[in-house]
Protein backbone atom coordinates (compact mmCIF):
# COMPACT_ATOMS: atom_id res chain seq x y z
CA MET A 1 2.43 -12.33 -36.57
CA PRO A 2 0.15 -11.26 -33.70
CA ALA A 3 1.77 -9.65 -30.69
CA THR A 4 1.70 -11.77 -27.61
CA GLY A 5 2.34 -10.71 -24.07
CA PRO A 6 3.50 -12.84 -21.20
CA ARG A 7 1.32 -15.85 -20.61
CA PRO A 8 -0.90 -15.63 -17.55
CA LEU A 9 0.31 -17.64 -14.61
CA ARG A 10 -1.32 -20.95 -13.80
CA ALA A 11 -3.37 -20.90 -10.60
CA ASP A 12 -0.71 -22.79 -8.61
CA ALA A 13 2.06 -20.52 -9.88
CA ARG A 14 -0.02 -17.44 -9.01
CA ARG A 15 -0.59 -18.81 -5.48
CA ASN A 16 3.15 -19.47 -5.08
CA ARG A 17 3.95 -15.95 -6.29
CA ASP A 18 1.42 -14.42 -3.88
CA ARG A 19 2.79 -16.47 -0.96
CA LEU A 20 6.32 -15.38 -1.84
CA LEU A 21 5.28 -11.71 -1.90
CA ASP A 22 3.52 -11.99 1.46
CA ALA A 23 6.53 -13.76 2.99
CA ALA A 24 8.89 -11.16 1.52
CA VAL A 25 6.92 -8.27 3.02
CA ARG A 26 6.97 -9.95 6.44
CA ALA A 27 10.66 -10.77 6.21
CA PHE A 28 11.91 -7.43 4.92
CA SER A 29 9.66 -5.52 7.33
CA HIS A 30 10.73 -7.50 10.40
CA ASP A 31 14.21 -8.82 9.63
CA GLY A 32 15.56 -6.09 7.35
CA PRO A 33 17.24 -6.20 3.96
CA ASP A 34 19.71 -8.96 4.80
CA VAL A 35 17.16 -11.73 5.35
CA THR A 36 18.06 -14.71 3.19
CA LEU A 37 16.00 -15.57 0.16
CA GLU A 38 16.02 -19.17 1.38
CA ALA A 39 14.23 -18.05 4.56
CA ILE A 40 11.62 -16.23 2.49
CA ALA A 41 11.07 -19.27 0.26
CA LYS A 42 10.76 -21.52 3.32
CA ASP A 43 8.24 -19.17 4.96
CA ALA A 44 6.23 -19.18 1.72
CA GLY A 45 6.31 -22.97 1.63
CA VAL A 46 8.13 -23.18 -1.70
CA GLY A 47 11.62 -24.10 -2.85
CA ILE A 48 14.33 -21.57 -3.66
CA GLY A 49 14.04 -22.49 -7.35
CA THR A 50 10.41 -21.38 -7.34
CA LEU A 51 11.44 -18.07 -5.80
CA TYR A 52 14.07 -17.50 -8.50
CA ARG A 53 11.65 -18.46 -11.28
CA HIS A 54 9.37 -15.64 -10.19
CA PHE A 55 12.01 -13.17 -8.99
CA PRO A 56 15.45 -13.61 -10.56
CA THR A 57 17.12 -11.14 -8.16
CA ARG A 58 16.69 -9.97 -4.57
CA GLU A 59 15.91 -6.49 -5.92
CA ALA A 60 13.15 -7.85 -8.18
CA LEU A 61 11.55 -9.54 -5.17
CA ILE A 62 11.78 -6.42 -3.00
CA GLU A 63 10.33 -4.18 -5.70
CA ALA A 64 7.53 -6.64 -6.48
CA ALA A 65 6.67 -6.98 -2.78
CA TYR A 66 6.47 -3.20 -2.37
CA ARG A 67 4.39 -2.73 -5.53
CA ASN A 68 2.08 -5.56 -4.47
CA GLU A 69 1.39 -3.85 -1.14
CA LEU A 70 0.71 -0.56 -2.95
CA ALA A 71 -1.66 -2.29 -5.38
CA ARG A 72 -3.54 -3.96 -2.51
CA LEU A 73 -3.98 -0.61 -0.81
CA CYS A 74 -5.21 1.16 -3.93
CA ASP A 75 -7.36 -1.75 -5.12
CA ALA A 76 -9.14 -1.85 -1.75
CA VAL A 77 -11.00 1.36 -2.68
CA THR A 78 -13.46 -0.43 -4.97
CA GLY A 79 -14.53 -2.97 -2.36
CA LEU A 80 -14.74 -0.40 0.40
CA LEU A 81 -16.99 1.85 -1.67
CA ARG A 82 -19.13 -1.12 -2.65
CA ASP A 83 -19.59 -2.29 0.95
CA THR A 84 -19.63 0.90 3.04
CA PRO A 85 -20.84 4.50 2.87
CA PRO A 86 -18.19 6.72 1.23
CA ASP A 87 -17.14 8.65 4.34
CA GLU A 88 -16.73 5.39 6.27
CA ALA A 89 -14.88 3.85 3.32
CA LEU A 90 -12.51 6.82 3.38
CA ARG A 91 -11.85 6.37 7.09
CA ILE A 92 -11.26 2.62 6.78
CA TRP A 93 -8.93 3.19 3.82
CA MET A 94 -6.97 5.68 5.92
CA ASP A 95 -6.32 2.93 8.46
CA HIS A 96 -5.07 0.72 5.61
CA PHE A 97 -2.82 3.57 4.47
CA VAL A 98 -1.22 3.87 7.91
CA GLU A 99 -0.59 0.09 7.94
CA TYR A 100 0.90 0.33 4.45
CA MET A 101 3.21 3.18 5.51
CA THR A 102 4.31 1.21 8.57
CA THR A 103 5.17 -1.74 6.33
CA LYS A 104 6.97 0.57 3.90
CA ARG A 105 8.99 2.02 6.77
CA GLY A 106 9.90 -1.50 7.87
CA MET A 107 11.05 -2.30 4.35
CA ALA A 108 13.11 0.91 4.06
CA GLY A 109 16.49 -0.82 4.13
CA ALA A 110 15.43 -3.31 1.47
CA LEU A 111 13.95 -0.55 -0.70
CA ARG A 112 17.19 1.45 -0.43
CA ALA A 113 19.00 -1.58 -1.86
CA VAL A 114 16.67 -1.52 -4.87
CA ILE A 115 17.32 2.19 -5.41
CA ALA A 116 21.08 1.68 -5.06
CA SER A 117 20.90 -0.94 -7.83
CA GLY A 118 19.20 1.56 -10.17
CA GLY A 119 15.57 0.61 -9.57
CA ASN A 120 12.79 3.00 -8.65
CA PRO A 121 10.05 1.19 -6.72
CA PHE A 122 8.29 4.51 -6.06
CA ALA A 123 7.92 5.55 -9.72
CA GLU A 124 4.13 5.30 -9.77
CA SER A 125 3.33 5.39 -6.06
CA ARG A 126 2.20 8.99 -5.74
CA ALA A 127 -0.02 8.88 -8.82
CA LEU A 128 -1.70 5.65 -7.69
CA LEU A 129 -2.26 6.95 -4.16
CA LEU A 130 -3.66 10.26 -5.41
CA GLU A 131 -6.07 8.42 -7.72
CA ALA A 132 -7.26 6.21 -4.85
CA ILE A 133 -7.83 9.24 -2.62
CA ALA A 134 -9.53 11.17 -5.44
CA THR A 135 -11.91 8.25 -6.02
CA LEU A 136 -12.83 8.15 -2.33
CA LEU A 137 -13.30 11.93 -2.16
CA ARG A 138 -15.37 11.96 -5.38
CA ALA A 139 -17.67 9.21 -4.05
CA GLY A 140 -18.02 11.04 -0.75
CA GLY A 141 -18.77 14.30 -2.53
CA GLU A 142 -21.38 12.68 -4.78
CA ALA A 143 -23.06 11.18 -1.70
CA GLY A 144 -23.06 14.55 0.05
CA ALA A 145 -20.93 13.10 2.85
CA VAL A 146 -17.57 14.72 2.10
CA ARG A 147 -16.64 18.24 1.05
CA THR A 148 -15.94 18.69 -2.63
CA ASP A 149 -13.24 21.34 -2.31
CA ILE A 150 -10.52 19.00 -1.04
CA ASP A 151 -7.28 18.42 -2.95
CA PRO A 152 -6.24 14.75 -2.87
CA GLY A 153 -2.61 15.89 -2.49
CA ASP A 154 -3.50 17.65 0.74
CA VAL A 155 -5.12 14.48 2.08
CA LEU A 156 -2.06 12.44 1.08
CA ALA A 157 0.25 14.89 2.86
CA SER A 158 -1.98 14.76 5.96
CA LEU A 159 -2.03 10.95 5.92
CA SER A 160 1.74 10.86 5.59
CA GLY A 161 2.05 13.06 8.67
CA VAL A 162 -0.34 10.89 10.65
CA SER A 163 1.64 7.83 9.55
CA LEU A 164 4.77 9.33 11.07
CA ALA A 165 2.90 9.68 14.35
CA ALA A 166 2.03 5.97 14.17
CA GLY A 167 5.64 4.87 13.99
CA GLU A 168 5.56 2.92 17.23
CA PRO A 169 2.80 0.51 18.31
CA GLU A 170 2.05 2.57 21.42
CA GLN A 171 1.32 5.56 19.18
CA ARG A 172 -1.37 3.79 17.12
CA ASP A 173 -4.18 5.09 19.34
CA GLN A 174 -3.05 8.64 18.69
CA ALA A 175 -2.89 7.95 14.95
CA HIS A 176 -6.48 6.66 15.01
CA ARG A 177 -7.63 9.80 16.83
CA LEU A 178 -5.81 11.96 14.28
CA LEU A 179 -7.47 10.08 11.41
CA ASP A 180 -10.88 10.61 13.03
CA LEU A 181 -10.09 14.31 13.26
CA LEU A 182 -9.00 14.42 9.61
CA VAL A 183 -12.19 12.71 8.42
CA ASP A 184 -14.32 15.03 10.55
CA GLY A 185 -12.67 17.95 8.76
CA LEU A 186 -13.42 16.41 5.37
CA ARG A 187 -17.10 15.70 6.04
CA TYR A 188 -19.72 17.80 4.33
CA GLY A 189 -20.94 20.59 6.54
CA ALA A 190 -17.52 21.28 7.99
CA ALA A 191 -16.44 24.87 7.80
CA ALA A 192 -15.13 25.84 4.39
CA PRO A 193 -11.53 27.09 4.23
CA ARG A 194 -11.09 30.85 4.67
């Protein structure tokens, strides 16, 4: 008997799932972990039964919403590199990273609930982020636009620090300046480390 995986979702079911994930990110980021699932379903324009068909528990919804945001961030690399020069793609992706971290910070209470129930929404996060950064750095290096001696882990640590500086809306301008500074340091022709 041939092995079969889960059947792919129909187009309407996929749209409902995507709307639920978007609504969940908004709700958990703005209203915290105690927002009702009914409110999320209503915001997504679906019934509560549809929500439970896709996500049988609150924790499953929270984890899926977080992983979806991470996948969007990492998947954006391909399009950015296709449409923009690599050093510009890197800078644009850094802005996306800061937005992602702000969303993650907003979802912190909900994510803690997942961890308390035994889940680990962060299991693959670091590896996926490092691969996205490595791809951007590799493309920049191949184009002669970005130094080739940069460790993706160092860039991730730097981005995490900048994201902390962008915690409040009034600090976003400073975060953008810090990202510009970081990219300038990564560009080819910058002084090599001593």
